[in-house]
Amino acid sequence: MVPESKPPTCDLLTQRCRSPTAAQMSLLISSFVLISIGAGGVRPCSLAFGADQLDQRDNPKNDKVLKSFFGWYYASAAISVLIALTGIVYIQDHLGYRVGFSVSAILMLLSVLLFFIASPLYLKLNPSKSLLTGFLQVMVVAYKNRNLTFPLPDSTGSYHHRRDSNIVAPSHKLRFLNKACIIKNPGQDC
């Protein structure tokens, strides 16, 4: 489709081929990177999104419904790969790359349109508190408390923790994060 994106065809008489330029190689590699990022972002999320739509814990047939969903999900994924590796390749070989890419683009556009058209039917769950936000809060407090000295190892009363928690306070791994749990003023913080 873009002639400058690939090296010229090989000369059949002299059996010489020109190597791709740095720009052509960077275009190819950046395309692979974008495909990998896109596939890595869509594939794991689509399975979880679909399971969230069907997960009704109060329904006694919930396990059967989810098992059926996972089976159909993997079957449809395998069928789509089969179509992509046979049908689209057949179209590209017999009708050219422009038609093959056009068919792929139209199918992707159709799937995006169907996704948004069906959007009112989706169950929209409110997100719970983000794990990343909590971790960043701990990092900030640990940084603010970086100049505090650690209490004695056996004095667990010097650290914030829930009363019925089974978590060992303080942890011996990632010790710098223990400073986020240090009680500065025992009379005021407890």
Foldseek 3Di string as FASTA:
>chain_A
DDVLLAFDDADPVVRDGDDRDPVNVVVVVVVVVVVVVVCVVPVVVVLVQVLVQQQDPVDPCSVVVNVVVVVVVVVVVVVVVVCVVPVLVVCCVPVNPVVSVVVVVVVVVVVVVVCVVCVVVGDDDDDDDDPVVVVVVLVVLLVVQVPPDDDDPVCQLQFDDDPPDPDDPPDPPPCSSSSSGGDPDSVPPD
